[in-house]
Amino acid sequence: MTSITIRDLEIERDLGDVLALMREMSPTYVINEAALLHRLQTVPARSHPRAFVAELDGRVVGRSQSRFDNFFSDGTETAFISVEVTAAHTAGRGSARGCTSTRSSIRTSSARLAC
């Protein structure tokens, strides 16, 4: 069995797969490669953005992103964390609630986060 590799997002390499994953998670979401590229490249450094992908057989099957919510100021009390996994790779998580894929997003006080 091939194992899943977790690695940093590589924008040029992963853009198409990440876009496909986003569309699977939210079929009515209107976005294209140019818009996603702009979004990924314009998060301010002061937000300390991090993005990872889960890769299996050269294909992205999951992604996560996190950042502090301080786009317009230096300080913040909140952070954003998001995880998405394709339906084929959730390993049954959420199936008791009828979920076919895994998608979680939270905003929380940065004081509660362990960095």
PDB file of N, CA and C in Angstrom:
ATOM      1  N   MET A   1       0.840  -1.184   0.000  1.00  0.00           N
ATOM      2  CA  MET A   1       0.000   0.000   0.000  1.00  0.00           C
ATOM      3  C   MET A   1       0.883   1.245   0.000  1.00  0.00           C
ATOM      4  N   THR A   2       0.560   2.181  -0.843  1.00  0.00           N
ATOM      5  CA  THR A   2       1.294   3.430  -0.923  1.00  0.00           C
ATOM      6  C   THR A   2       0.887   4.332   0.231  1.00  0.00           C
ATOM      7  N   SER A   3       1.864   5.014   0.812  1.00  0.00           N
ATOM      8  CA  SER A   3       1.550   5.887   1.943  1.00  0.00           C
ATOM      9  C   SER A   3       1.328   7.322   1.477  1.00  0.00           C
ATOM     10  N   ILE A   4       0.597   8.044   2.283  1.00  0.00           N
ATOM     11  CA  ILE A   4       0.320   9.449   2.014  1.00  0.00           C
ATOM     12  C   ILE A   4       1.471  10.282   2.561  1.00  0.00           C
ATOM     13  N   THR A   5       1.905  11.247   1.789  1.00  0.00           N
ATOM     14  CA  THR A   5       2.971  12.157   2.192  1.00  0.00           C
ATOM     15  C   THR A   5       2.369  13.518   2.506  1.00  0.00           C
ATOM     16  N   ILE A   6       2.705  14.061   3.665  1.00  0.00           N
ATOM     17  CA  ILE A   6       2.295  15.416   4.034  1.00  0.00           C
ATOM     18  C   ILE A   6       3.487  16.325   3.769  1.00  0.00           C
ATOM     19  N   ARG A   7       3.268  17.374   3.007  1.00  0.00           N
ATOM     20  CA  ARG A   7       4.358  18.293   2.666  1.00  0.00           C
ATOM     21  C   ARG A   7       3.811  19.704   2.506  1.00  0.00           C
ATOM     22  N   ASP A   8       4.729  20.670   2.479  1.00  0.00           N
ATOM     23  CA  ASP A   8       4.332  22.054   2.234  1.00  0.00           C
ATOM     24  C   ASP A   8       3.698  22.178   0.850  1.00  0.00           C
ATOM     25  N   LEU A   9       2.717  23.050   0.742  1.00  0.00           N
ATOM     26  CA  LEU A   9       2.108  23.357  -0.543  1.00  0.00           C
ATOM     27  C   LEU A   9       3.155  23.967  -1.462  1.00  0.00           C
ATOM     28  N   GLU A  10       3.229  23.483  -2.682  1.00  0.00           N
ATOM     29  CA  GLU A  10       4.063  24.079  -3.726  1.00  0.00           C
ATOM     30  C   GLU A  10       3.090  24.632  -4.762  1.00  0.00           C
ATOM     31  N   ILE A  11       2.929  25.941  -4.768  1.00  0.00           N
ATOM     32  CA  ILE A  11       1.860  26.577  -5.528  1.00  0.00           C
ATOM     33  C   ILE A  11       1.847  26.144  -6.992  1.00  0.00           C
ATOM     34  N   GLU A  12       2.951  26.274  -7.684  1.00  0.00           N
ATOM     35  CA  GLU A  12       2.977  25.956  -9.119  1.00  0.00           C
ATOM     36  C   GLU A  12       2.635  24.489  -9.363  1.00  0.00           C
ATOM     37  N   ARG A  13       3.168  23.615  -8.558  1.00  0.00           N
ATOM     38  CA  ARG A  13       2.982  22.171  -8.719  1.00  0.00           C
ATOM     39  C   ARG A  13       1.575  21.715  -8.334  1.00  0.00           C
ATOM     40  N   ASP A  14       1.006  22.300  -7.296  1.00  0.00           N
ATOM     41  CA  ASP A  14      -0.223  21.787  -6.692  1.00  0.00           C
ATOM     42  C   ASP A  14      -1.491  22.541  -7.075  1.00  0.00           C
ATOM     43  N   LEU A  15      -1.372  23.630  -7.791  1.00  0.00           N
ATOM     44  CA  LEU A  15      -2.515  24.503  -8.046  1.00  0.00           C
ATOM     45  C   LEU A  15      -3.716  23.759  -8.636  1.00  0.00           C
ATOM     46  N   GLY A  16      -3.517  22.976  -9.663  1.00  0.00           N
ATOM     47  CA  GLY A  16      -4.622  22.259 -10.307  1.00  0.00           C
ATOM     48  C   GLY A  16      -5.303  21.269  -9.383  1.00  0.00           C
ATOM     49  N   ASP A  17      -4.509  20.488  -8.639  1.00  0.00           N
ATOM     50  CA  ASP A  17      -5.079  19.509  -7.709  1.00  0.00           C
ATOM     51  C   ASP A  17      -5.817  20.183  -6.557  1.00  0.00           C
ATOM     52  N   VAL A  18      -5.270  21.277  -6.046  1.00  0.00           N
ATOM     53  CA  VAL A  18      -5.925  21.996  -4.948  1.00  0.00           C
ATOM     54  C   VAL A  18      -7.246  22.590  -5.436  1.00  0.00           C
ATOM     55  N   LEU A  19      -7.251  23.124  -6.634  1.00  0.00           N
ATOM     56  CA  LEU A  19      -8.483  23.664  -7.204  1.00  0.00           C
ATOM     57  C   LEU A  19      -9.536  22.559  -7.356  1.00  0.00           C
ATOM     58  N   ALA A  20      -9.137  21.393  -7.830  1.00  0.00           N
ATOM     59  CA  ALA A  20     -10.068  20.260  -7.963  1.00  0.00           C
ATOM     60  C   ALA A  20     -10.616  19.843  -6.600  1.00  0.00           C
ATOM     61  N   LEU A  21      -9.759  19.827  -5.589  1.00  0.00           N
ATOM     62  CA  LEU A  21     -10.192  19.476  -4.235  1.00  0.00           C
ATOM     63  C   LEU A  21     -11.202  20.499  -3.708  1.00  0.00           C
ATOM     64  N   MET A  22     -10.928  21.779  -3.920  1.00  0.00           N
ATOM     65  CA  MET A  22     -11.851  22.824  -3.479  1.00  0.00           C
ATOM     66  C   MET A  22     -13.211  22.670  -4.154  1.00  0.00           C
ATOM     67  N   ARG A  23     -13.202  22.327  -5.423  1.00  0.00           N
ATOM     68  CA  ARG A  23     -14.468  22.149  -6.154  1.00  0.00           C
ATOM     69  C   ARG A  23     -15.213  20.910  -5.683  1.00  0.00           C
ATOM     70  N   GLU A  24     -14.480  19.866  -5.293  1.00  0.00           N
ATOM     71  CA  GLU A  24     -15.136  18.678  -4.743  1.00  0.00           C
ATOM     72  C   GLU A  24     -15.803  19.014  -3.412  1.00  0.00           C
ATOM     73  N   MET A  25     -15.116  19.776  -2.584  1.00  0.00           N
ATOM     74  CA  MET A  25     -15.643  20.124  -1.269  1.00  0.00           C
ATOM     75  C   MET A  25     -16.842  21.062  -1.366  1.00  0.00           C
ATOM     76  N   SER A  26     -16.800  21.985  -2.308  1.00  0.00           N
ATOM     77  CA  SER A  26     -17.867  22.990  -2.472  1.00  0.00           C
ATOM     78  C   SER A  26     -18.182  23.141  -3.956  1.00  0.00           C
ATOM     79  N   PRO A  27     -19.041  22.280  -4.501  1.00  0.00           N
ATOM     80  CA  PRO A  27     -19.317  22.290  -5.941  1.00  0.00           C
ATOM     81  C   PRO A  27     -19.856  23.618  -6.479  1.00  0.00           C
ATOM     82  N   THR A  28     -20.458  24.436  -5.641  1.00  0.00           N
ATOM     83  CA  THR A  28     -20.993  25.716  -6.115  1.00  0.00           C
ATOM     84  C   THR A  28     -20.004  26.871  -5.947  1.00  0.00           C
ATOM     85  N   TYR A  29     -18.825  26.584  -5.434  1.00  0.00           N
ATOM     86  CA  TYR A  29     -17.801  27.604  -5.220  1.00  0.00           C
ATOM     87  C   TYR A  29     -17.277  28.083  -6.569  1.00  0.00           C
ATOM     88  N   VAL A  30     -17.298  29.375  -6.808  1.00  0.00           N
ATOM     89  CA  VAL A  30     -16.840  29.934  -8.075  1.00  0.00           C
ATOM     90  C   VAL A  30     -15.399  30.409  -7.907  1.00  0.00           C
ATOM     91  N   ILE A  31     -14.471  29.696  -8.528  1.00  0.00           N
ATOM     92  CA  ILE A  31     -13.051  30.052  -8.456  1.00  0.00           C
ATOM     93  C   ILE A  31     -12.339  29.428  -9.651  1.00  0.00           C
ATOM     94  N   ASN A  32     -11.275  30.073 -10.096  1.00  0.00           N
ATOM     95  CA  ASN A  32     -10.454  29.507 -11.162  1.00  0.00           C
ATOM     96  C   ASN A  32      -8.992  29.572 -10.737  1.00  0.00           C
ATOM     97  N   GLU A  33      -8.094  29.074 -11.588  1.00  0.00           N
ATOM     98  CA  GLU A  33      -6.676  29.025 -11.211  1.00  0.00           C
ATOM     99  C   GLU A  33      -6.112  30.405 -10.925  1.00  0.00           C
ATOM    100  N   ALA A  34      -6.465  31.392 -11.741  1.00  0.00           N
ATOM    101  CA  ALA A  34      -5.931  32.746 -11.534  1.00  0.00           C
ATOM    102  C   ALA A  34      -6.374  33.316 -10.187  1.00  0.00           C
ATOM    103  N   ALA A  35      -7.637  33.110  -9.836  1.00  0.00           N
ATOM    104  CA  ALA A  35      -8.147  33.621  -8.558  1.00  0.00           C
ATOM    105  C   ALA A  35      -7.494  32.912  -7.380  1.00  0.00           C
ATOM    106  N   LEU A  36      -7.345  31.593  -7.487  1.00  0.00           N
ATOM    107  CA  LEU A  36      -6.700  30.839  -6.406  1.00  0.00           C
ATOM    108  C   LEU A  36      -5.243  31.248  -6.265  1.00  0.00           C
ATOM    109  N   LEU A  37      -4.547  31.397  -7.373  1.00  0.00           N
ATOM    110  CA  LEU A  37      -3.151  31.827  -7.333  1.00  0.00           C
ATOM    111  C   LEU A  37      -3.035  33.194  -6.660  1.00  0.00           C
ATOM    112  N   HIS A  38      -3.902  34.118  -7.023  1.00  0.00           N
ATOM    113  CA  HIS A  38      -3.898  35.448  -6.401  1.00  0.00           C
ATOM    114  C   HIS A  38      -4.138  35.339  -4.899  1.00  0.00           C
ATOM    115  N   ARG A  39      -5.117  34.532  -4.508  1.00  0.00           N
ATOM    116  CA  ARG A  39      -5.439  34.364  -3.084  1.00  0.00           C
ATOM    117  C   ARG A  39      -4.235  33.827  -2.311  1.00  0.00           C
ATOM    118  N   LEU A  40      -3.587  32.816  -2.856  1.00  0.00           N
ATOM    119  CA  LEU A  40      -2.455  32.192  -2.161  1.00  0.00           C
ATOM    120  C   LEU A  40      -1.244  33.117  -2.077  1.00  0.00           C
ATOM    121  N   GLN A  41      -1.052  33.947  -3.091  1.00  0.00           N
ATOM    122  CA  GLN A  41       0.138  34.800  -3.137  1.00  0.00           C
ATOM    123  C   GLN A  41      -0.020  36.137  -2.430  1.00  0.00           C
ATOM    124  N   THR A  42      -1.223  36.487  -2.017  1.00  0.00           N
ATOM    125  CA  THR A  42      -1.416  37.819  -1.443  1.00  0.00           C
ATOM    126  C   THR A  42      -1.751  37.820   0.046  1.00  0.00           C
ATOM    127  N   VAL A  43      -1.667  36.688   0.704  1.00  0.00           N
ATOM    128  CA  VAL A  43      -1.850  36.667   2.160  1.00  0.00           C
ATOM    129  C   VAL A  43      -0.633  37.360   2.773  1.00  0.00           C
ATOM    130  N   PRO A  44      -0.828  38.379   3.598  1.00  0.00           N
ATOM    131  CA  PRO A  44       0.315  39.111   4.143  1.00  0.00           C
ATOM    132  C   PRO A  44       1.203  38.231   5.026  1.00  0.00           C
ATOM    133  N   ALA A  45       2.491  38.462   4.948  1.00  0.00           N
ATOM    134  CA  ALA A  45       3.457  37.681   5.733  1.00  0.00           C
ATOM    135  C   ALA A  45       3.183  37.791   7.230  1.00  0.00           C
ATOM    136  N   ARG A  46       2.661  38.931   7.691  1.00  0.00           N
ATOM    137  CA  ARG A  46       2.392  39.101   9.124  1.00  0.00           C
ATOM    138  C   ARG A  46       1.318  38.136   9.628  1.00  0.00           C
ATOM    139  N   SER A  47       0.568  37.511   8.712  1.00  0.00           N
ATOM    140  CA  SER A  47      -0.440  36.515   9.091  1.00  0.00           C
ATOM    141  C   SER A  47       0.174  35.141   9.328  1.00  0.00           C
ATOM    142  N   HIS A  48       1.460  35.003   9.025  1.00  0.00           N
ATOM    143  CA  HIS A  48       2.176  33.731   9.185  1.00  0.00           C
ATOM    144  C   HIS A  48       1.408  32.573   8.543  1.00  0.00           C
ATOM    145  N   PRO A  49       1.074  32.707   7.244  1.00  0.00           N
ATOM    146  CA  PRO A  49       0.306  31.643   6.598  1.00  0.00           C
ATOM    147  C   PRO A  49       1.125  30.368   6.449  1.00  0.00           C
ATOM    148  N   ARG A  50       0.458  29.238   6.629  1.00  0.00           N
ATOM    149  CA  ARG A  50       1.060  27.916   6.391  1.00  0.00           C
ATOM    150  C   ARG A  50       0.067  27.114   5.582  1.00  0.00           C
ATOM    151  N   ALA A  51       0.556  26.355   4.638  1.00  0.00           N
ATOM    152  CA  ALA A  51      -0.317  25.503   3.826  1.00  0.00           C
ATOM    153  C   ALA A  51       0.406  24.195   3.552  1.00  0.00           C
ATOM    154  N   PHE A  52      -0.321  23.108   3.723  1.00  0.00           N
ATOM    155  CA  PHE A  52       0.221  21.770   3.500  1.00  0.00           C
ATOM    156  C   PHE A  52      -0.719  20.995   2.594  1.00  0.00           C
ATOM    157  N   VAL A  53      -0.181  19.989   1.923  1.00  0.00           N
ATOM    158  CA  VAL A  53      -1.014  19.071   1.150  1.00  0.00           C
ATOM    159  C   VAL A  53      -0.706  17.650   1.578  1.00  0.00           C
ATOM    160  N   ALA A  54      -1.699  16.796   1.406  1.00  0.00           N
ATOM    161  CA  ALA A  54      -1.522  15.354   1.575  1.00  0.00           C
ATOM    162  C   ALA A  54      -1.488  14.784   0.165  1.00  0.00           C
ATOM    163  N   GLU A  55      -0.407  14.099  -0.160  1.00  0.00           N
ATOM    164  CA  GLU A  55      -0.199  13.610  -1.520  1.00  0.00           C
ATOM    165  C   GLU A  55      -0.161  12.087  -1.534  1.00  0.00           C
ATOM    166  N   LEU A  56      -0.846  11.507  -2.497  1.00  0.00           N
ATOM    167  CA  LEU A  56      -0.858  10.061  -2.678  1.00  0.00           C
ATOM    168  C   LEU A  56      -0.677   9.779  -4.161  1.00  0.00           C
ATOM    169  N   ASP A  57       0.338   9.013  -4.486  1.00  0.00           N
ATOM    170  CA  ASP A  57       0.621   8.666  -5.888  1.00  0.00           C
ATOM    171  C   ASP A  57       0.698   9.900  -6.787  1.00  0.00           C
ATOM    172  N   GLY A  58       1.325  10.964  -6.288  1.00  0.00           N
ATOM    173  CA  GLY A  58       1.519  12.169  -7.080  1.00  0.00           C
ATOM    174  C   GLY A  58       0.303  13.070  -7.197  1.00  0.00           C
ATOM    175  N   ARG A  59      -0.753  12.781  -6.465  1.00  0.00           N
ATOM    176  CA  ARG A  59      -1.988  13.565  -6.527  1.00  0.00           C
ATOM    177  C   ARG A  59      -2.348  14.089  -5.143  1.00  0.00           C
ATOM    178  N   VAL A  60      -2.785  15.327  -5.073  1.00  0.00           N
ATOM    179  CA  VAL A  60      -3.205  15.922  -3.806  1.00  0.00           C
ATOM    180  C   VAL A  60      -4.575  15.354  -3.431  1.00  0.00           C
ATOM    181  N   VAL A  61      -4.653  14.754  -2.227  1.00  0.00           N
ATOM    182  CA  VAL A  61      -5.915  14.181  -1.742  1.00  0.00           C
ATOM    183  C   VAL A  61      -6.420  14.894  -0.490  1.00  0.00           C
ATOM    184  N   GLY A  62      -5.662  15.879  -0.021  1.00  0.00           N
ATOM    185  CA  GLY A  62      -6.069  16.657   1.138  1.00  0.00           C
ATOM    186  C   GLY A  62      -5.217  17.905   1.239  1.00  0.00           C
ATOM    187  N   ARG A  63      -5.711  18.864   1.993  1.00  0.00           N
ATOM    188  CA  ARG A  63      -4.926  20.084   2.202  1.00  0.00           C
ATOM    189  C   ARG A  63      -5.307  20.702   3.530  1.00  0.00           C
ATOM    190  N   SER A  64      -4.398  21.501   4.053  1.00  0.00           N
ATOM    191  CA  SER A  64      -4.690  22.272   5.254  1.00  0.00           C
ATOM    192  C   SER A  64      -4.052  23.637   5.104  1.00  0.00           C
ATOM    193  N   GLN A  65      -4.634  24.590   5.770  1.00  0.00           N
ATOM    194  CA  GLN A  65      -4.060  25.932   5.779  1.00  0.00           C
ATOM    195  C   GLN A  65      -4.346  26.575   7.123  1.00  0.00           C
ATOM    196  N   SER A  66      -3.474  27.460   7.515  1.00  0.00           N
ATOM    197  CA  SER A  66      -3.675  28.193   8.760  1.00  0.00           C
ATOM    198  C   SER A  66      -3.050  29.572   8.620  1.00  0.00           C
ATOM    199  N   ARG A  67      -3.577  30.494   9.394  1.00  0.00           N
ATOM    200  CA  ARG A  67      -3.027  31.855   9.415  1.00  0.00           C
ATOM    201  C   ARG A  67      -3.663  32.608  10.577  1.00  0.00           C
ATOM    202  N   PHE A  68      -2.992  33.650  10.996  1.00  0.00           N
ATOM    203  CA  PHE A  68      -3.599  34.573  11.938  1.00  0.00           C
ATOM    204  C   PHE A  68      -4.477  35.532  11.142  1.00  0.00           C
ATOM    205  N   ASP A  69      -5.599  35.935  11.710  1.00  0.00           N
ATOM    206  CA  ASP A  69      -6.528  36.836  11.025  1.00  0.00           C
ATOM    207  C   ASP A  69      -6.131  38.285  11.254  1.00  0.00           C
ATOM    208  N   ASN A  70      -5.013  38.680  10.672  1.00  0.00           N
ATOM    209  CA  ASN A  70      -4.565  40.065  10.812  1.00  0.00           C
ATOM    210  C   ASN A  70      -4.148  40.624   9.454  1.00  0.00           C
ATOM    211  N   PHE A  71      -5.046  40.563   8.514  1.00  0.00           N
ATOM    212  CA  PHE A  71      -4.755  41.079   7.179  1.00  0.00           C
ATOM    213  C   PHE A  71      -4.502  42.581   7.179  1.00  0.00           C
ATOM    214  N   PHE A  72      -5.154  43.314   8.091  1.00  0.00           N
ATOM    215  CA  PHE A  72      -5.108  44.770   8.031  1.00  0.00           C
ATOM    216  C   PHE A  72      -4.454  45.423   9.243  1.00  0.00           C
ATOM    217  N   SER A  73      -3.859  44.629  10.125  1.00  0.00           N
ATOM    218  CA  SER A  73      -3.189  45.184  11.300  1.00  0.00           C
ATOM    219  C   SER A  73      -2.081  44.235  11.735  1.00  0.00           C
ATOM    220  N   ASP A  74      -1.256  44.694  12.657  1.00  0.00           N
ATOM    221  CA  ASP A  74      -0.155  43.855  13.125  1.00  0.00           C
ATOM    222  C   ASP A  74      -0.577  42.860  14.194  1.00  0.00           C
ATOM    223  N   GLY A  75      -1.582  43.165  14.962  1.00  0.00           N
ATOM    224  CA  GLY A  75      -1.992  42.286  16.054  1.00  0.00           C
ATOM    225  C   GLY A  75      -3.331  41.634  15.772  1.00  0.00           C
ATOM    226  N   THR A  76      -3.569  40.513  16.431  1.00  0.00           N
ATOM    227  CA  THR A  76      -4.856  39.841  16.292  1.00  0.00           C
ATOM    228  C   THR A  76      -5.092  38.923  17.476  1.00  0.00           C
ATOM    229  N   GLU A  77      -6.333  38.620  17.710  1.00  0.00           N
ATOM    230  CA  GLU A  77      -6.705  37.662  18.747  1.00  0.00           C
ATOM    231  C   GLU A  77      -7.268  36.383  18.145  1.00  0.00           C
ATOM    232  N   THR A  78      -7.370  36.318  16.816  1.00  0.00           N
ATOM    233  CA  THR A  78      -7.977  35.142  16.193  1.00  0.00           C
ATOM    234  C   THR A  78      -7.068  34.515  15.141  1.00  0.00           C
ATOM    235  N   ALA A  79      -7.330  33.244  14.895  1.00  0.00           N
ATOM    236  CA  ALA A  79      -6.593  32.499  13.877  1.00  0.00           C
ATOM    237  C   ALA A  79      -7.584  31.672  13.074  1.00  0.00           C
ATOM    238  N   PHE A  80      -7.212  31.324  11.864  1.00  0.00           N
ATOM    239  CA  PHE A  80      -8.039  30.514  10.973  1.00  0.00           C
ATOM    240  C   PHE A  80      -7.286  29.228  10.656  1.00  0.00           C
ATOM    241  N   ILE A  81      -7.983  28.097  10.767  1.00  0.00           N
ATOM    242  CA  ILE A  81      -7.405  26.790  10.452  1.00  0.00           C
ATOM    243  C   ILE A  81      -8.432  26.036   9.618  1.00  0.00           C
ATOM    244  N   SER A  82      -7.993  25.438   8.514  1.00  0.00           N
ATOM    245  CA  SER A  82      -8.903  24.709   7.640  1.00  0.00           C
ATOM    246  C   SER A  82      -8.252  23.408   7.185  1.00  0.00           C
ATOM    247  N   VAL A  83      -9.058  22.344   7.107  1.00  0.00           N
ATOM    248  CA  VAL A  83      -8.592  21.038   6.625  1.00  0.00           C
ATOM    249  C   VAL A  83      -9.640  20.503   5.661  1.00  0.00           C
ATOM    250  N   GLU A  84      -9.200  19.992   4.512  1.00  0.00           N
ATOM    251  CA  GLU A  84     -10.092  19.368   3.540  1.00  0.00           C
ATOM    252  C   GLU A  84      -9.461  18.069   3.057  1.00  0.00           C
ATOM    253  N   VAL A  85     -10.276  17.021   2.952  1.00  0.00           N
ATOM    254  CA  VAL A  85      -9.809  15.707   2.493  1.00  0.00           C
ATOM    255  C   VAL A  85     -10.827  15.168   1.501  1.00  0.00           C
ATOM    256  N   THR A  86     -10.361  14.598   0.389  1.00  0.00           N
ATOM    257  CA  THR A  86     -11.275  14.039  -0.608  1.00  0.00           C
ATOM    258  C   THR A  86     -12.121  12.928  -0.006  1.00  0.00           C
ATOM    259  N   ALA A  87     -13.285  12.719  -0.578  1.00  0.00           N
ATOM    260  CA  ALA A  87     -14.208  11.691  -0.090  1.00  0.00           C
ATOM    261  C   ALA A  87     -13.561  10.310  -0.096  1.00  0.00           C
ATOM    262  N   ALA A  88     -12.733  10.036  -1.071  1.00  0.00           N
ATOM    263  CA  ALA A  88     -12.113   8.713  -1.190  1.00  0.00           C
ATOM    264  C   ALA A  88     -11.044   8.453  -0.134  1.00  0.00           C
ATOM    265  N   HIS A  89     -10.639   9.479   0.609  1.00  0.00           N
ATOM    266  CA  HIS A  89      -9.524   9.323   1.551  1.00  0.00           C
ATOM    267  C   HIS A  89      -9.852   9.746   2.977  1.00  0.00           C
ATOM    268  N   THR A  90     -11.116   9.758   3.344  1.00  0.00           N
ATOM    269  CA  THR A  90     -11.485  10.159   4.700  1.00  0.00           C
ATOM    270  C   THR A  90     -11.378   9.025   5.699  1.00  0.00           C
ATOM    271  N   ALA A  91     -11.182   7.801   5.236  1.00  0.00           N
ATOM    272  CA  ALA A  91     -11.061   6.617   6.110  1.00  0.00           C
ATOM    273  C   ALA A  91     -12.265   6.483   7.033  1.00  0.00           C
ATOM    274  N   GLY A  92     -13.450   6.848   6.536  1.00  0.00           N
ATOM    275  CA  GLY A  92     -14.675   6.677   7.309  1.00  0.00           C
ATOM    276  C   GLY A  92     -14.999   7.796   8.267  1.00  0.00           C
ATOM    277  N   ARG A  93     -14.132   8.760   8.427  1.00  0.00           N
ATOM    278  CA  ARG A  93     -14.404   9.860   9.354  1.00  0.00           C
ATOM    279  C   ARG A  93     -15.636  10.631   8.899  1.00  0.00           C
ATOM    280  N   GLY A  94     -16.545  10.832   9.800  1.00  0.00           N
ATOM    281  CA  GLY A  94     -17.763  11.573   9.499  1.00  0.00           C
ATOM    282  C   GLY A  94     -18.872  10.738   8.898  1.00  0.00           C
ATOM    283  N   SER A  95     -18.620   9.471   8.595  1.00  0.00           N
ATOM    284  CA  SER A  95     -19.649   8.653   7.937  1.00  0.00           C
ATOM    285  C   SER A  95     -20.875   8.438   8.817  1.00  0.00           C
ATOM    286  N   ALA A  96     -20.709   8.465  10.127  1.00  0.00           N
ATOM    287  CA  ALA A  96     -21.853   8.295  11.030  1.00  0.00           C
ATOM    288  C   ALA A  96     -22.827   9.461  10.905  1.00  0.00           C
ATOM    289  N   ARG A  97     -22.329  10.610  10.462  1.00  0.00           N
ATOM    290  CA  ARG A  97     -23.192  11.782  10.282  1.00  0.00           C
ATOM    291  C   ARG A  97     -23.626  11.933   8.829  1.00  0.00           C
ATOM    292  N   GLY A  98     -23.283  10.962   7.984  1.00  0.00           N
ATOM    293  CA  GLY A  98     -23.669  11.030   6.583  1.00  0.00           C
ATOM    294  C   GLY A  98     -22.748  11.869   5.734  1.00  0.00           C
ATOM    295  N   CYS A  99     -21.593  12.233   6.254  1.00  0.00           N
ATOM    296  CA  CYS A  99     -20.645  13.043   5.494  1.00  0.00           C
ATOM    297  C   CYS A  99     -19.920  12.161   4.478  1.00  0.00           C
ATOM    298  N   THR A 100     -19.759  12.672   3.275  1.00  0.00           N
ATOM    299  CA  THR A 100     -19.029  11.924   2.257  1.00  0.00           C
ATOM    300  C   THR A 100     -17.609  12.430   2.080  1.00  0.00           C
ATOM    301  N   SER A 101     -17.295  13.547   2.684  1.00  0.00           N
ATOM    302  CA  SER A 101     -15.943  14.091   2.632  1.00  0.00           C
ATOM    303  C   SER A 101     -15.684  14.808   3.949  1.00  0.00           C
ATOM    304  N   THR A 102     -14.443  15.194   4.170  1.00  0.00           N
ATOM    305  CA  THR A 102     -14.099  15.882   5.405  1.00  0.00           C
ATOM    306  C   THR A 102     -13.703  17.308   5.083  1.00  0.00           C
ATOM    307  N   ARG A 103     -14.376  18.247   5.723  1.00  0.00           N
ATOM    308  CA  ARG A 103     -14.038  19.657   5.572  1.00  0.00           C
ATOM    309  C   ARG A 103     -14.299  20.332   6.899  1.00  0.00           C
ATOM    310  N   SER A 104     -13.274  20.898   7.487  1.00  0.00           N
ATOM    311  CA  SER A 104     -13.411  21.582   8.768  1.00  0.00           C
ATOM    312  C   SER A 104     -12.688  22.913   8.709  1.00  0.00           C
ATOM    313  N   SER A 105     -13.311  23.917   9.239  1.00  0.00           N
ATOM    314  CA  SER A 105     -12.684  25.226   9.366  1.00  0.00           C
ATOM    315  C   SER A 105     -13.052  25.786  10.728  1.00  0.00           C
ATOM    316  N   ILE A 106     -12.091  26.394  11.400  1.00  0.00           N
ATOM    317  CA  ILE A 106     -12.376  27.032  12.680  1.00  0.00           C
ATOM    318  C   ILE A 106     -11.668  28.371  12.763  1.00  0.00           C
ATOM    319  N   ARG A 107     -12.247  29.254  13.533  1.00  0.00           N
ATOM    320  CA  ARG A 107     -11.583  30.485  13.939  1.00  0.00           C
ATOM    321  C   ARG A 107     -11.525  30.405  15.455  1.00  0.00           C
ATOM    322  N   THR A 108     -10.382  30.694  16.000  1.00  0.00           N
ATOM    323  CA  THR A 108     -10.215  30.570  17.440  1.00  0.00           C
ATOM    324  C   THR A 108      -9.311  31.672  17.957  1.00  0.00           C
ATOM    325  N   SER A 109      -9.339  31.876  19.240  1.00  0.00           N
ATOM    326  CA  SER A 109      -8.443  32.843  19.862  1.00  0.00           C
ATOM    327  C   SER A 109      -7.020  32.350  19.722  1.00  0.00           C
ATOM    328  N   SER A 110      -6.128  33.209  19.262  1.00  0.00           N
ATOM    329  CA  SER A 110      -4.731  32.801  19.095  1.00  0.00           C
ATOM    330  C   SER A 110      -4.083  32.471  20.430  1.00  0.00           C
ATOM    331  N   ALA A 111      -4.643  32.971  21.516  1.00  0.00           N
ATOM    332  CA  ALA A 111      -4.100  32.653  22.839  1.00  0.00           C
ATOM    333  C   ALA A 111      -4.286  31.178  23.169  1.00  0.00           C
ATOM    334  N   ARG A 112      -5.253  30.522  22.521  1.00  0.00           N
ATOM    335  CA  ARG A 112      -5.501  29.107  22.774  1.00  0.00           C
ATOM    336  C   ARG A 112      -4.676  28.188  21.881  1.00  0.00           C
ATOM    337  N   LEU A 113      -3.945  28.744  20.946  1.00  0.00           N
ATOM    338  CA  LEU A 113      -3.152  27.930  20.026  1.00  0.00           C
ATOM    339  C   LEU A 113      -1.752  27.717  20.572  1.00  0.00           C
ATOM    340  N   ALA A 114      -1.267  26.505  20.450  1.00  0.00           N
ATOM    341  CA  ALA A 114       0.125  26.226  20.804  1.00  0.00           C
ATOM    342  C   ALA A 114       0.958  26.372  19.546  1.00  0.00           C
ATOM    343  N   CYS A 115       1.893  27.275  19.541  1.00  0.00           N
ATOM    344  CA  CYS A 115       2.715  27.511  18.349  1.00  0.00           C
ATOM    345  C   CYS A 115       4.041  26.793  18.459  1.00  0.00           C
TER     346      CYS A 115
END
